[in-house]
Protein backbone atom coordinates (compact mmCIF):
# COMPACT_ATOMS: atom_id res chain seq x y z
CA MET A 1 -17.63 93.56 14.69
CA GLN A 2 -18.63 95.11 11.13
CA MET A 3 -21.56 97.75 11.74
CA PRO A 4 -23.90 97.92 8.60
CA ARG A 5 -22.46 99.95 5.96
CA ALA A 6 -24.14 102.74 3.87
CA ARG A 7 -23.78 101.86 0.21
CA TYR A 8 -22.71 104.95 -1.70
CA ARG A 9 -23.49 104.45 -5.38
CA THR A 10 -23.24 107.01 -9.05
CA SER A 11 -23.36 106.58 -12.87
CA MET A 12 -19.35 106.40 -12.08
CA CYS A 13 -18.44 104.40 -8.80
CA ASP A 14 -20.80 101.70 -6.37
CA SER A 15 -19.16 101.50 -2.87
CA ALA A 16 -20.52 97.68 -3.05
CA ARG A 17 -17.18 96.64 -5.43
CA TRP A 18 -15.59 96.56 -1.82
CA ASP A 19 -17.79 93.97 -0.41
CA ASP A 20 -15.45 91.12 -1.55
CA PHE A 21 -12.15 92.39 -1.35
CA ARG A 22 -9.10 90.34 0.48
CA PHE A 23 -7.20 92.94 2.93
CA ARG A 24 -3.71 92.53 4.20
CA ASP A 25 -2.37 93.61 7.45
CA GLY A 26 -0.47 97.50 5.91
CA ASP A 27 -3.24 98.03 3.48
CA ILE A 28 -4.04 101.65 3.71
CA ILE A 29 -7.02 103.20 2.14
CA ILE A 30 -6.71 107.43 1.29
CA CYS A 31 -10.76 108.02 1.97
CA THR A 32 -11.12 111.24 0.57
CA PRO A 33 -14.05 113.81 -0.90
CA ALA A 34 -13.22 114.39 -5.12
CA LYS A 35 -10.52 116.94 -5.74
CA CYS A 36 -9.50 117.03 -1.49
CA GLY A 37 -6.13 116.17 -2.57
CA THR A 38 -6.10 112.55 -2.90
CA THR A 39 -3.64 112.11 -5.71
CA TRP A 40 -1.30 114.30 -3.23
CA MET A 41 -1.93 111.79 -0.73
CA GLN A 42 -1.16 109.01 -3.05
CA MET A 43 1.80 110.42 -3.96
CA ILE A 44 3.13 111.21 -0.28
CA CYS A 45 2.41 107.72 0.23
CA ALA A 46 4.43 106.08 -2.93
CA LEU A 47 6.95 108.10 -2.17
CA LEU A 48 7.11 106.75 1.63
CA ILE A 49 6.39 103.18 0.67
CA PHE A 50 8.86 103.10 -1.89
CA GLN A 51 11.53 105.77 -0.29
CA LYS A 52 12.46 106.98 -3.82
CA THR A 53 11.46 109.19 -6.33
CA SER A 54 11.21 108.10 -9.55
CA LEU A 55 8.03 105.21 -10.23
CA LYS A 56 7.86 102.10 -13.04
CA LYS A 57 4.61 102.45 -13.32
CA SER A 58 1.68 104.88 -13.21
CA LEU A 59 0.89 105.88 -10.11
CA THR A 60 -2.80 104.71 -11.16
CA GLU A 61 -1.27 101.06 -11.35
CA TYR A 62 -0.08 101.26 -7.67
CA SER A 63 -3.02 103.41 -6.15
CA PRO A 64 -6.26 102.59 -8.41
CA TRP A 65 -9.81 103.97 -7.54
CA LEU A 66 -11.09 100.45 -6.91
CA ASP A 67 -15.01 101.50 -6.44
CA MET A 68 -14.91 103.35 -9.91
CA TYR A 69 -16.06 101.95 -12.61
CA LEU A 70 -13.22 102.46 -15.32
CA ARG A 71 -12.27 98.89 -15.03
CA PRO A 72 -13.78 96.19 -14.79
CA LYS A 73 -14.47 95.30 -10.82
CA LYS A 74 -11.93 92.04 -10.90
CA GLU A 75 -8.97 93.59 -12.94
CA VAL A 76 -8.72 96.27 -10.35
CA TYR A 77 -9.07 93.21 -8.05
CA ASP A 78 -6.72 90.84 -10.11
CA LEU A 79 -3.69 94.15 -10.23
CA LEU A 80 -4.15 94.45 -6.51
CA GLU A 81 -3.98 91.01 -5.63
CA ALA A 82 -0.68 90.54 -7.60
CA GLN A 83 1.03 93.86 -5.91
CA THR A 84 3.57 92.91 -3.10
CA HIS A 85 4.46 96.17 -1.85
CA ARG A 86 2.31 97.59 0.83
CA ARG A 87 -0.71 98.39 -0.63
CA PHE A 88 -2.46 101.88 -0.88
CA ILE A 89 -5.75 102.01 -2.89
CA LYS A 90 -8.20 105.24 -3.75
CA THR A 91 -11.55 105.66 -2.87
CA HIS A 92 -13.82 108.59 -2.28
CA THR A 93 -16.16 106.44 -0.19
CA PRO A 94 -17.37 108.19 3.42
CA LEU A 95 -15.62 105.62 5.74
CA ASP A 96 -19.24 104.88 6.48
CA GLY A 97 -19.61 103.32 2.96
CA LEU A 98 -16.09 101.47 3.60
CA PRO A 99 -14.97 97.73 5.11
CA MET A 100 -13.89 98.86 8.97
CA ASP A 101 -10.37 96.47 9.01
CA ASP A 102 -7.83 96.64 12.46
CA ARG A 103 -4.98 95.85 9.65
CA VAL A 104 -5.34 98.98 7.76
CA THR A 105 -5.32 102.54 7.98
CA TYR A 106 -7.38 104.95 6.75
CA ILE A 107 -6.35 108.16 5.74
CA CYS A 108 -8.70 110.64 5.66
CA VAL A 109 -7.84 114.19 3.36
CA GLY A 110 -10.43 117.48 4.22
CA ARG A 111 -9.42 120.75 2.07
CA ASP A 112 -11.43 123.79 1.99
CA PRO A 113 -15.21 122.90 0.16
CA ARG A 114 -14.59 126.32 -1.58
CA ASP A 115 -11.40 125.17 -2.87
CA ALA A 116 -12.49 121.71 -3.96
CA ALA A 117 -15.45 123.37 -5.86
CA ILE A 118 -13.46 125.64 -8.16
CA SER A 119 -11.20 122.62 -8.26
CA LEU A 120 -13.98 120.36 -9.10
CA LEU A 121 -15.27 122.57 -12.18
CA ASN A 122 -11.81 122.63 -13.26
CA HIS A 123 -11.49 118.82 -13.34
CA ALA A 124 -14.94 118.95 -15.53
CA ASP A 125 -13.25 120.37 -18.16
CA ASN A 126 -11.09 118.99 -18.49
CA MET A 127 -12.55 115.46 -18.92
CA ASN A 128 -12.15 113.64 -22.18
CA PHE A 129 -16.42 112.92 -21.58
CA ASP A 130 -16.39 110.07 -24.31
CA ARG A 131 -13.20 108.47 -23.44
CA PHE A 132 -14.60 108.23 -19.90
CA LYS A 133 -18.13 106.97 -21.03
CA GLU A 134 -16.95 104.11 -23.37
CA LEU A 135 -14.43 102.54 -20.67
CA ILE A 136 -17.59 103.53 -18.06
CA ASP A 137 -19.71 101.07 -20.84
CA HIS A 138 -17.60 98.12 -20.54
CA THR A 139 -17.22 98.08 -17.47
CA LEU A 140 -20.40 98.13 -17.18
CA GLU A 141 -20.99 95.48 -19.82
CA VAL A 142 -18.08 93.26 -18.41
CA ASP A 143 -19.63 93.20 -14.74
CA HIS A 144 -23.48 92.64 -16.20
CA ILE A 145 -24.49 96.06 -14.41
CA GLU A 146 -27.64 97.63 -15.07
CA LEU A 147 -27.34 101.60 -14.64
CA GLU A 148 -28.30 104.33 -15.72
CA ALA A 149 -25.96 105.73 -18.54
CA PHE A 150 -23.56 107.52 -17.22
CA SER A 151 -24.46 110.62 -19.06
CA LYS A 152 -23.19 114.09 -19.41
CA GLN A 153 -25.24 117.32 -17.51
CA GLU A 154 -26.39 120.52 -19.85
CA GLU A 155 -27.56 123.53 -17.29
CA GLU A 156 -28.58 126.32 -19.05
CA ASP A 157 -26.63 128.64 -17.22
CA ASN A 158 -23.01 127.24 -17.65
CA SER A 159 -20.66 129.82 -15.93
CA ILE A 160 -18.43 128.97 -12.82
CA GLN A 161 -19.97 130.84 -10.77
CA ALA A 162 -23.70 129.45 -11.72
CA ARG A 163 -22.05 125.90 -11.45
CA PHE A 164 -20.47 127.09 -8.31
CA TRP A 165 -23.66 127.58 -6.61
CA ARG A 166 -25.29 124.71 -7.52
CA TRP A 167 -22.48 122.36 -5.76
CA ILE A 168 -22.72 124.69 -2.94
CA GLU A 169 -27.03 124.42 -2.72
CA SER A 170 -27.94 120.77 -3.97
CA ASP A 171 -29.75 118.79 -1.71
CA ASN A 172 -29.28 115.57 -3.95
CA SER A 173 -29.29 112.85 -1.61
CA ILE A 174 -25.65 111.87 -0.61
CA TYR A 175 -25.83 108.46 -1.28
CA GLU A 176 -26.26 108.81 -5.09
CA SER A 177 -25.44 112.28 -6.02
CA GLY A 178 -21.39 112.41 -5.94
CA SER A 179 -20.07 115.32 -5.43
CA THR A 180 -22.05 117.96 -3.40
CA LEU A 181 -21.33 120.10 -0.48
CA LEU A 182 -23.88 117.81 1.37
CA HIS A 183 -21.67 115.13 0.86
CA THR A 184 -18.27 116.94 1.23
CA LEU A 185 -19.63 117.44 4.82
CA HIS A 186 -20.81 114.57 5.43
CA HIS A 187 -17.77 113.00 4.59
CA TYR A 188 -15.71 115.30 7.19
CA SER A 189 -18.64 114.84 9.97
CA VAL A 190 -18.29 110.65 9.83
CA ALA A 191 -13.67 111.07 8.95
CA LEU A 192 -14.05 113.89 12.10
CA GLU A 193 -16.19 110.65 14.36
CA ALA A 194 -13.80 108.06 13.61
CA SER A 195 -11.09 109.94 13.91
CA ASN A 196 -10.21 108.68 17.68
CA ILE A 197 -9.69 105.06 16.17
CA PRO A 198 -6.25 103.87 16.53
CA ASN A 199 -5.94 103.59 12.67
CA VAL A 200 -7.64 106.53 11.45
CA VAL A 201 -5.72 109.73 10.16
CA LEU A 202 -6.96 112.85 9.66
CA MET A 203 -5.58 114.89 7.52
CA HIS A 204 -5.55 118.79 6.05
CA TYR A 205 -4.74 119.58 2.40
CA SER A 206 -4.46 123.33 4.55
CA ASP A 207 -1.63 121.61 6.34
CA MET A 208 -0.11 120.13 4.34
CA LYS A 209 0.32 123.87 2.18
CA ALA A 210 1.60 125.23 5.29
CA ASP A 211 4.41 122.50 6.16
CA LEU A 212 4.23 119.74 3.62
CA GLU A 213 7.58 117.96 5.64
CA THR A 214 6.08 117.79 9.15
CA GLU A 215 3.01 116.62 8.19
CA MET A 216 4.77 113.59 5.48
CA LYS A 217 7.02 112.69 8.69
CA GLN A 218 3.89 112.67 11.15
CA LEU A 219 2.06 110.65 8.55
CA ALA A 220 5.38 108.35 7.91
CA CYS A 221 5.16 107.92 11.94
CA ARG A 222 1.46 106.99 11.17
CA LEU A 223 2.26 104.24 8.54
CA GLN A 224 4.93 103.00 11.14
CA ILE A 225 7.45 103.70 8.27
CA GLU A 226 11.35 104.47 8.75
CA ILE A 227 12.93 106.97 6.56
CA GLU A 228 16.65 107.66 6.54
CA PRO A 229 17.05 111.51 7.06
CA ASP A 230 18.83 112.48 4.36
CA LEU A 231 16.55 110.88 2.32
CA TRP A 232 13.55 113.48 3.69
CA PRO A 233 14.61 116.73 1.30
CA GLU A 234 14.57 114.42 -1.81
CA LEU A 235 11.14 113.08 -1.36
CA VAL A 236 9.11 116.44 0.17
CA HIS A 237 10.54 118.35 -2.82
CA ALA A 238 8.81 115.47 -5.38
CA ALA A 239 5.55 115.68 -2.96
CA THR A 240 5.21 119.50 -3.64
CA PHE A 241 2.66 120.94 -6.05
CA GLU A 242 4.90 121.81 -8.75
CA SER A 243 6.98 118.85 -8.92
CA MET A 244 3.78 116.64 -9.20
CA ARG A 245 2.72 118.86 -12.54
CA ALA A 246 5.85 118.67 -13.95
CA ARG A 247 4.87 114.99 -13.71
CA GLY A 248 1.36 115.34 -14.66
CA ALA A 249 1.16 112.46 -17.29
CA GLU A 250 2.61 110.17 -14.96
CA LEU A 251 1.01 111.04 -11.89
CA ALA A 252 -2.90 112.37 -13.40
CA PRO A 253 -5.31 109.41 -12.51
CA ASP A 254 -5.82 107.20 -15.84
CA SER A 255 -3.68 109.69 -17.92
CA LYS A 256 -2.93 106.44 -20.26
CA ALA A 257 -6.35 105.90 -21.03
CA SER A 258 -6.94 109.10 -22.30
CA VAL A 259 -9.88 110.30 -19.91
CA TRP A 260 -8.11 114.23 -20.00
CA LYS A 261 -7.67 116.34 -22.45
CA GLU A 262 -4.20 117.99 -20.61
CA SER A 263 -3.11 115.58 -18.29
CA LYS A 264 -0.58 118.44 -16.61
CA GLN A 265 -4.24 120.49 -16.26
CA PHE A 266 -5.14 117.78 -14.20
CA PHE A 267 -3.06 119.50 -11.19
CA HIS A 268 -4.47 122.92 -12.59
CA SER A 269 -2.99 125.34 -9.68
CA GLY A 270 -2.58 123.72 -5.85
CA THR A 271 -2.88 127.41 -4.47
CA GLY A 272 -6.52 127.44 -4.23
CA GLY A 273 -8.52 131.00 -3.10
CA HIS A 274 -9.92 131.37 -6.40
CA TRP A 275 -13.65 131.91 -5.26
CA LYS A 276 -12.33 134.97 -3.82
CA GLU A 277 -12.84 136.59 -7.93
CA PHE A 278 -16.84 136.65 -6.96
CA PHE A 279 -17.05 136.28 -3.84
CA ASP A 280 -18.70 139.83 -2.14
CA ASP A 281 -20.76 140.00 1.81
CA GLU A 282 -23.59 138.66 -0.44
CA ALA A 283 -22.14 135.82 -1.29
CA ASN A 284 -20.22 134.89 1.83
CA MET A 285 -23.39 135.32 3.90
CA ARG A 286 -25.01 132.60 1.44
CA TYR A 287 -22.37 130.29 1.31
CA GLN A 288 -22.43 130.56 5.19
CA THR A 289 -25.79 130.72 5.39
CA ARG A 290 -25.88 127.09 3.47
CA ILE A 291 -22.46 125.28 5.48
CA ASN A 292 -24.06 126.07 8.43
CA SER A 293 -27.27 124.61 8.14
CA ILE A 294 -26.30 121.71 7.19
CA ALA A 295 -23.10 120.81 9.17
CA ALA A 296 -22.30 121.11 12.75
CA PRO A 297 -19.53 124.31 13.95
CA ASP A 298 -17.01 121.80 14.11
CA VAL A 299 -17.36 120.30 11.23
CA VAL A 300 -17.25 123.68 9.65
CA ARG A 301 -14.44 124.66 11.87
CA TRP A 302 -12.42 121.57 10.36
CA ALA A 303 -13.55 121.78 6.89
CA HIS A 304 -11.60 125.41 6.82
CA GLU A 305 -8.75 125.05 9.50
CA GLY A 306 -8.46 122.05 8.97
CA ASN A 307 -6.41 120.56 12.51
CA LYS A 308 -5.48 123.81 14.02
CA ASN A 309 -6.82 123.13 17.72
CA GLN A 310 -7.93 120.24 17.10
CA ARG A 311 -10.35 119.19 19.86
CA LYS A 312 -13.15 116.41 20.51
CA PHE A 313 -15.70 116.84 17.42
CA SER A 314 -19.58 115.35 18.21
CA SER A 315 -22.70 116.21 16.36
CA PHE A 316 -21.50 116.91 13.18
CA MET A 317 -24.26 116.52 11.07
CA ARG A 318 -27.55 118.96 11.21
């Protein structure tokens, strides 16, 4: 029986847009917090499903973000209804805000929160804010939604360090605030609690970086997709960060809608660790105090280490 769902709603997206969506057998939902390998996983799914490295359309056309206000709801539904291939859909909504269907595979991806934060800051700097607002305002008008206008937040201290700590230490509601450390850890905790469900797949950015080929092969197995052995080298190469960055205009979300100042900049860096530039002992203690105050040790461990030594999780959020 479907349990009551949480609702996540910001000025940019609404999980209630899933309410009337009709699933098909074999659908895939890529369920990640922001900047935790979403586009990477979309590309991997495209490679596994189509078993070729070239795409006839942009990645967004194959795998739209259903609950985002960049397109009217009917337009997204119609796009997905017309697809005849195995569908793979993007969302940043945690599992407890999604309809759960036994026919659907839910791929949850995590990443070191510090890397996610830095990536998000670069992402925000690359955003064409006026174009984003134009598209969102259009959707709100078409879908007859009354909502506080999407606006750019201006802060007195706009340095990367200040913005990083605001993301880490924000106590805004996980249901209304969008991406923060609190929201990201909630996302992880819900996914970890569901990790024993057969159609929930738990993956981590660090594991994909360490051994992309093995992670792709394991995912293909979970999705029951068979790949000819001689295809693997080509598919794995196409999923590397370098290959994806070279195809930024094709792979960056909604790049054809001109929502980015520079599409290649969407793939700013796949290496991580840039937060170490301003992480002295005092900053590390500040971070550890914060993260351990809002999440259980198993969640904190998984957030930073991925699926190494994975064991049963319980009592995730503080």
